[in-house]
Amino acid sequence: MAAFLNRVVREQFRTFKHDLPRKLWPEFVEHLRNEDEAMPVWNDATTNKLGDSIFQILKEVGFITDTKTYRLQPVQISSEVLACHL
């Protein structure tokens, strides 16, 4: 989750995108596979289910408005959280 936030969600905000397209999740998973040979290959159902969970969490914490439009929302992150190096 942290890597997805750091790489994908951050890039969407940085480039002033207004949404977080769902297709970015399987692209991210594929990118991870290319970086780490030891990463297991998940079937499509597993990848999609994990994506469902990730996007639900993003909705619950306020990064996206809902899981239909995936519209990004600005989020205030406390300095204590920002000080953590994940």
N, C-alpha and C. Protein backbone atom coordinates (compact mmCIF):
# COMPACT_ATOMS: atom_id res chain seq x y z
N MET A 1 0.83 -1.20 0.00
CA MET A 1 0.00 0.00 0.00
C MET A 1 0.87 1.24 0.00
N ALA A 2 1.89 1.26 0.85
CA ALA A 2 2.75 2.44 0.93
C ALA A 2 3.44 2.71 -0.40
N ALA A 3 3.89 1.66 -1.06
CA ALA A 3 4.57 1.83 -2.35
C ALA A 3 3.60 2.37 -3.40
N PHE A 4 2.36 1.91 -3.40
CA PHE A 4 1.36 2.41 -4.34
C PHE A 4 1.09 3.90 -4.08
N LEU A 5 0.96 4.26 -2.81
CA LEU A 5 0.77 5.67 -2.47
C LEU A 5 1.97 6.50 -2.92
N ASN A 6 3.14 6.02 -2.61
CA ASN A 6 4.35 6.78 -2.90
C ASN A 6 4.61 6.92 -4.40
N ARG A 7 4.41 5.87 -5.14
CA ARG A 7 4.73 5.89 -6.57
C ARG A 7 3.59 6.39 -7.44
N VAL A 8 2.43 5.84 -7.23
CA VAL A 8 1.32 6.09 -8.16
C VAL A 8 0.46 7.28 -7.73
N VAL A 9 -0.04 7.24 -6.51
CA VAL A 9 -0.92 8.31 -6.05
C VAL A 9 -0.16 9.63 -6.01
N ARG A 10 1.04 9.61 -5.49
CA ARG A 10 1.85 10.84 -5.44
C ARG A 10 2.07 11.42 -6.84
N GLU A 11 2.35 10.55 -7.82
CA GLU A 11 2.57 11.01 -9.19
C GLU A 11 1.31 11.64 -9.78
N GLN A 12 0.17 11.07 -9.46
CA GLN A 12 -1.08 11.66 -9.96
C GLN A 12 -1.28 13.06 -9.40
N PHE A 13 -1.03 13.24 -8.11
CA PHE A 13 -1.13 14.57 -7.52
C PHE A 13 -0.07 15.50 -8.09
N ARG A 14 1.16 15.01 -8.22
CA ARG A 14 2.28 15.82 -8.70
C ARG A 14 2.04 16.35 -10.10
N THR A 15 1.38 15.56 -10.92
CA THR A 15 1.13 15.96 -12.31
C THR A 15 -0.27 16.57 -12.49
N PHE A 16 -0.89 16.93 -11.39
CA PHE A 16 -2.18 17.63 -11.38
C PHE A 16 -3.29 16.84 -12.07
N LYS A 17 -3.25 15.53 -11.93
CA LYS A 17 -4.34 14.70 -12.45
C LYS A 17 -5.51 14.80 -11.48
N HIS A 18 -6.70 14.62 -12.00
CA HIS A 18 -7.89 14.75 -11.17
C HIS A 18 -8.48 13.42 -10.73
N ASP A 19 -7.93 12.34 -11.27
CA ASP A 19 -8.46 11.04 -10.89
C ASP A 19 -7.33 10.03 -10.74
N LEU A 20 -7.69 8.88 -10.26
CA LEU A 20 -6.76 7.78 -10.03
C LEU A 20 -7.33 6.56 -10.76
N PRO A 21 -7.08 6.48 -12.07
CA PRO A 21 -7.71 5.40 -12.85
C PRO A 21 -7.39 4.02 -12.29
N ARG A 22 -8.39 3.19 -12.29
CA ARG A 22 -8.26 1.83 -11.76
C ARG A 22 -7.17 1.04 -12.49
N LYS A 23 -6.95 1.34 -13.77
CA LYS A 23 -5.94 0.61 -14.55
C LYS A 23 -4.52 0.80 -14.01
N LEU A 24 -4.33 1.81 -13.17
CA LEU A 24 -3.01 2.04 -12.60
C LEU A 24 -2.61 0.95 -11.62
N TRP A 25 -3.59 0.28 -11.02
CA TRP A 25 -3.28 -0.80 -10.07
C TRP A 25 -2.60 -1.99 -10.75
N PRO A 26 -3.19 -2.60 -11.80
CA PRO A 26 -2.49 -3.73 -12.42
C PRO A 26 -1.16 -3.30 -13.07
N GLU A 27 -1.08 -2.07 -13.54
CA GLU A 27 0.19 -1.58 -14.08
C GLU A 27 1.24 -1.52 -12.98
N PHE A 28 0.84 -1.08 -11.80
CA PHE A 28 1.74 -1.02 -10.65
C PHE A 28 2.21 -2.42 -10.25
N VAL A 29 1.28 -3.36 -10.20
CA VAL A 29 1.62 -4.74 -9.85
C VAL A 29 2.62 -5.30 -10.85
N GLU A 30 2.39 -5.06 -12.11
CA GLU A 30 3.31 -5.53 -13.15
C GLU A 30 4.69 -4.89 -12.99
N HIS A 31 4.71 -3.62 -12.66
CA HIS A 31 5.98 -2.92 -12.41
C HIS A 31 6.73 -3.57 -11.25
N LEU A 32 6.02 -3.92 -10.18
CA LEU A 32 6.66 -4.58 -9.05
C LEU A 32 7.24 -5.93 -9.46
N ARG A 33 6.49 -6.67 -10.27
CA ARG A 33 6.98 -7.97 -10.74
C ARG A 33 8.28 -7.81 -11.53
N ASN A 34 8.35 -6.76 -12.34
CA ASN A 34 9.55 -6.51 -13.14
C ASN A 34 10.73 -6.12 -12.27
N GLU A 35 10.47 -5.49 -11.13
CA GLU A 35 11.54 -5.08 -10.22
C GLU A 35 12.04 -6.21 -9.35
N ASP A 36 11.17 -7.15 -9.01
CA ASP A 36 11.51 -8.20 -8.05
C ASP A 36 11.09 -9.57 -8.59
N GLU A 37 12.06 -10.33 -9.02
CA GLU A 37 11.79 -11.67 -9.57
C GLU A 37 11.13 -12.59 -8.55
N ALA A 38 11.38 -12.34 -7.28
CA ALA A 38 10.85 -13.21 -6.23
C ALA A 38 9.37 -12.95 -5.94
N MET A 39 8.83 -11.87 -6.46
CA MET A 39 7.42 -11.57 -6.21
C MET A 39 6.56 -12.63 -6.88
N PRO A 40 5.59 -13.16 -6.15
CA PRO A 40 4.73 -14.20 -6.74
C PRO A 40 3.88 -13.62 -7.87
N VAL A 41 3.54 -14.44 -8.82
CA VAL A 41 2.64 -14.04 -9.89
C VAL A 41 1.22 -14.36 -9.44
N TRP A 42 0.41 -13.31 -9.31
CA TRP A 42 -0.96 -13.49 -8.87
C TRP A 42 -1.85 -13.65 -10.09
N ASN A 43 -2.91 -14.43 -9.94
CA ASN A 43 -3.86 -14.50 -11.04
C ASN A 43 -4.67 -13.20 -11.08
N ASP A 44 -5.42 -13.00 -12.16
CA ASP A 44 -6.16 -11.75 -12.32
C ASP A 44 -7.17 -11.52 -11.21
N ALA A 45 -7.81 -12.58 -10.75
CA ALA A 45 -8.81 -12.44 -9.68
C ALA A 45 -8.16 -11.92 -8.40
N THR A 46 -6.99 -12.44 -8.06
CA THR A 46 -6.28 -11.98 -6.86
C THR A 46 -5.84 -10.54 -7.01
N THR A 47 -5.27 -10.20 -8.17
CA THR A 47 -4.84 -8.82 -8.42
C THR A 47 -6.02 -7.87 -8.32
N ASN A 48 -7.15 -8.24 -8.90
CA ASN A 48 -8.34 -7.38 -8.85
C ASN A 48 -8.88 -7.25 -7.43
N LYS A 49 -8.89 -8.35 -6.67
CA LYS A 49 -9.40 -8.30 -5.30
C LYS A 49 -8.51 -7.42 -4.43
N LEU A 50 -7.20 -7.54 -4.59
CA LEU A 50 -6.29 -6.66 -3.85
C LEU A 50 -6.50 -5.20 -4.26
N GLY A 51 -6.71 -4.97 -5.54
CA GLY A 51 -7.00 -3.61 -6.01
C GLY A 51 -8.28 -3.07 -5.41
N ASP A 52 -9.31 -3.93 -5.33
CA ASP A 52 -10.56 -3.51 -4.68
C ASP A 52 -10.29 -3.03 -3.26
N SER A 53 -9.49 -3.79 -2.54
CA SER A 53 -9.18 -3.44 -1.15
C SER A 53 -8.39 -2.14 -1.08
N ILE A 54 -7.41 -1.98 -1.94
CA ILE A 54 -6.59 -0.76 -1.95
C ILE A 54 -7.46 0.46 -2.23
N PHE A 55 -8.31 0.38 -3.24
CA PHE A 55 -9.14 1.53 -3.58
C PHE A 55 -10.20 1.80 -2.52
N GLN A 56 -10.68 0.77 -1.84
CA GLN A 56 -11.62 0.97 -0.73
C GLN A 56 -10.92 1.71 0.41
N ILE A 57 -9.70 1.32 0.71
CA ILE A 57 -8.93 2.01 1.75
C ILE A 57 -8.70 3.46 1.36
N LEU A 58 -8.33 3.70 0.11
CA LEU A 58 -8.11 5.08 -0.36
C LEU A 58 -9.37 5.91 -0.22
N LYS A 59 -10.52 5.31 -0.47
CA LYS A 59 -11.80 6.02 -0.29
C LYS A 59 -12.04 6.31 1.19
N GLU A 60 -11.81 5.32 2.04
CA GLU A 60 -12.09 5.48 3.47
C GLU A 60 -11.20 6.54 4.12
N VAL A 61 -9.96 6.66 3.65
CA VAL A 61 -9.07 7.66 4.25
C VAL A 61 -9.14 9.00 3.54
N GLY A 62 -9.94 9.09 2.46
CA GLY A 62 -10.20 10.37 1.83
C GLY A 62 -9.33 10.74 0.65
N PHE A 63 -8.51 9.83 0.14
CA PHE A 63 -7.70 10.15 -1.03
C PHE A 63 -8.53 10.21 -2.31
N ILE A 64 -9.59 9.38 -2.39
CA ILE A 64 -10.50 9.44 -3.53
C ILE A 64 -11.92 9.62 -3.01
N THR A 65 -12.77 10.21 -3.86
CA THR A 65 -14.13 10.50 -3.43
C THR A 65 -14.99 9.25 -3.31
N ASP A 66 -14.79 8.33 -4.25
CA ASP A 66 -15.57 7.09 -4.23
C ASP A 66 -14.89 6.06 -5.12
N THR A 67 -15.45 4.86 -5.12
CA THR A 67 -14.84 3.79 -5.91
C THR A 67 -15.54 3.60 -7.25
N LYS A 68 -16.25 4.62 -7.70
CA LYS A 68 -16.85 4.60 -9.04
C LYS A 68 -16.13 5.56 -9.97
N THR A 69 -15.86 6.77 -9.49
CA THR A 69 -15.20 7.77 -10.34
C THR A 69 -13.71 7.88 -10.06
N TYR A 70 -13.28 7.42 -8.88
CA TYR A 70 -11.87 7.47 -8.48
C TYR A 70 -11.30 8.89 -8.53
N ARG A 71 -12.13 9.86 -8.25
CA ARG A 71 -11.71 11.27 -8.26
C ARG A 71 -10.82 11.54 -7.05
N LEU A 72 -9.66 12.14 -7.30
CA LEU A 72 -8.72 12.44 -6.22
C LEU A 72 -9.20 13.63 -5.39
N GLN A 73 -8.86 13.61 -4.12
CA GLN A 73 -9.15 14.71 -3.21
C GLN A 73 -7.87 15.10 -2.49
N PRO A 74 -7.64 16.38 -2.30
CA PRO A 74 -6.47 16.78 -1.50
C PRO A 74 -6.62 16.24 -0.08
N VAL A 75 -5.52 15.80 0.49
CA VAL A 75 -5.53 15.21 1.82
C VAL A 75 -4.50 15.93 2.68
N GLN A 76 -4.89 16.27 3.88
CA GLN A 76 -3.98 16.87 4.85
C GLN A 76 -3.35 15.74 5.65
N ILE A 77 -2.04 15.63 5.60
CA ILE A 77 -1.34 14.58 6.33
C ILE A 77 -0.58 15.22 7.48
N SER A 78 -0.76 14.68 8.67
CA SER A 78 -0.13 15.30 9.84
C SER A 78 1.40 15.19 9.75
N SER A 79 2.06 16.13 10.38
CA SER A 79 3.53 16.15 10.36
C SER A 79 4.12 14.91 11.01
N GLU A 80 3.42 14.34 12.00
CA GLU A 80 3.92 13.12 12.65
C GLU A 80 3.96 11.96 11.65
N VAL A 81 2.95 11.87 10.82
CA VAL A 81 2.92 10.81 9.82
C VAL A 81 3.99 11.05 8.76
N LEU A 82 4.11 12.29 8.33
CA LEU A 82 5.12 12.63 7.32
C LEU A 82 6.52 12.38 7.83
N ALA A 83 6.71 12.47 9.13
CA ALA A 83 8.05 12.27 9.71
C ALA A 83 8.46 10.79 9.70
N CYS A 84 7.48 9.90 9.55
CA CYS A 84 7.78 8.46 9.50
C CYS A 84 8.36 8.12 8.13
N HIS A 85 9.44 7.37 8.14
CA HIS A 85 10.04 6.94 6.89
C HIS A 85 9.68 5.49 6.66
N LEU A 86 8.66 5.28 5.84
CA LEU A 86 8.17 3.92 5.58
C LEU A 86 9.05 3.21 4.61
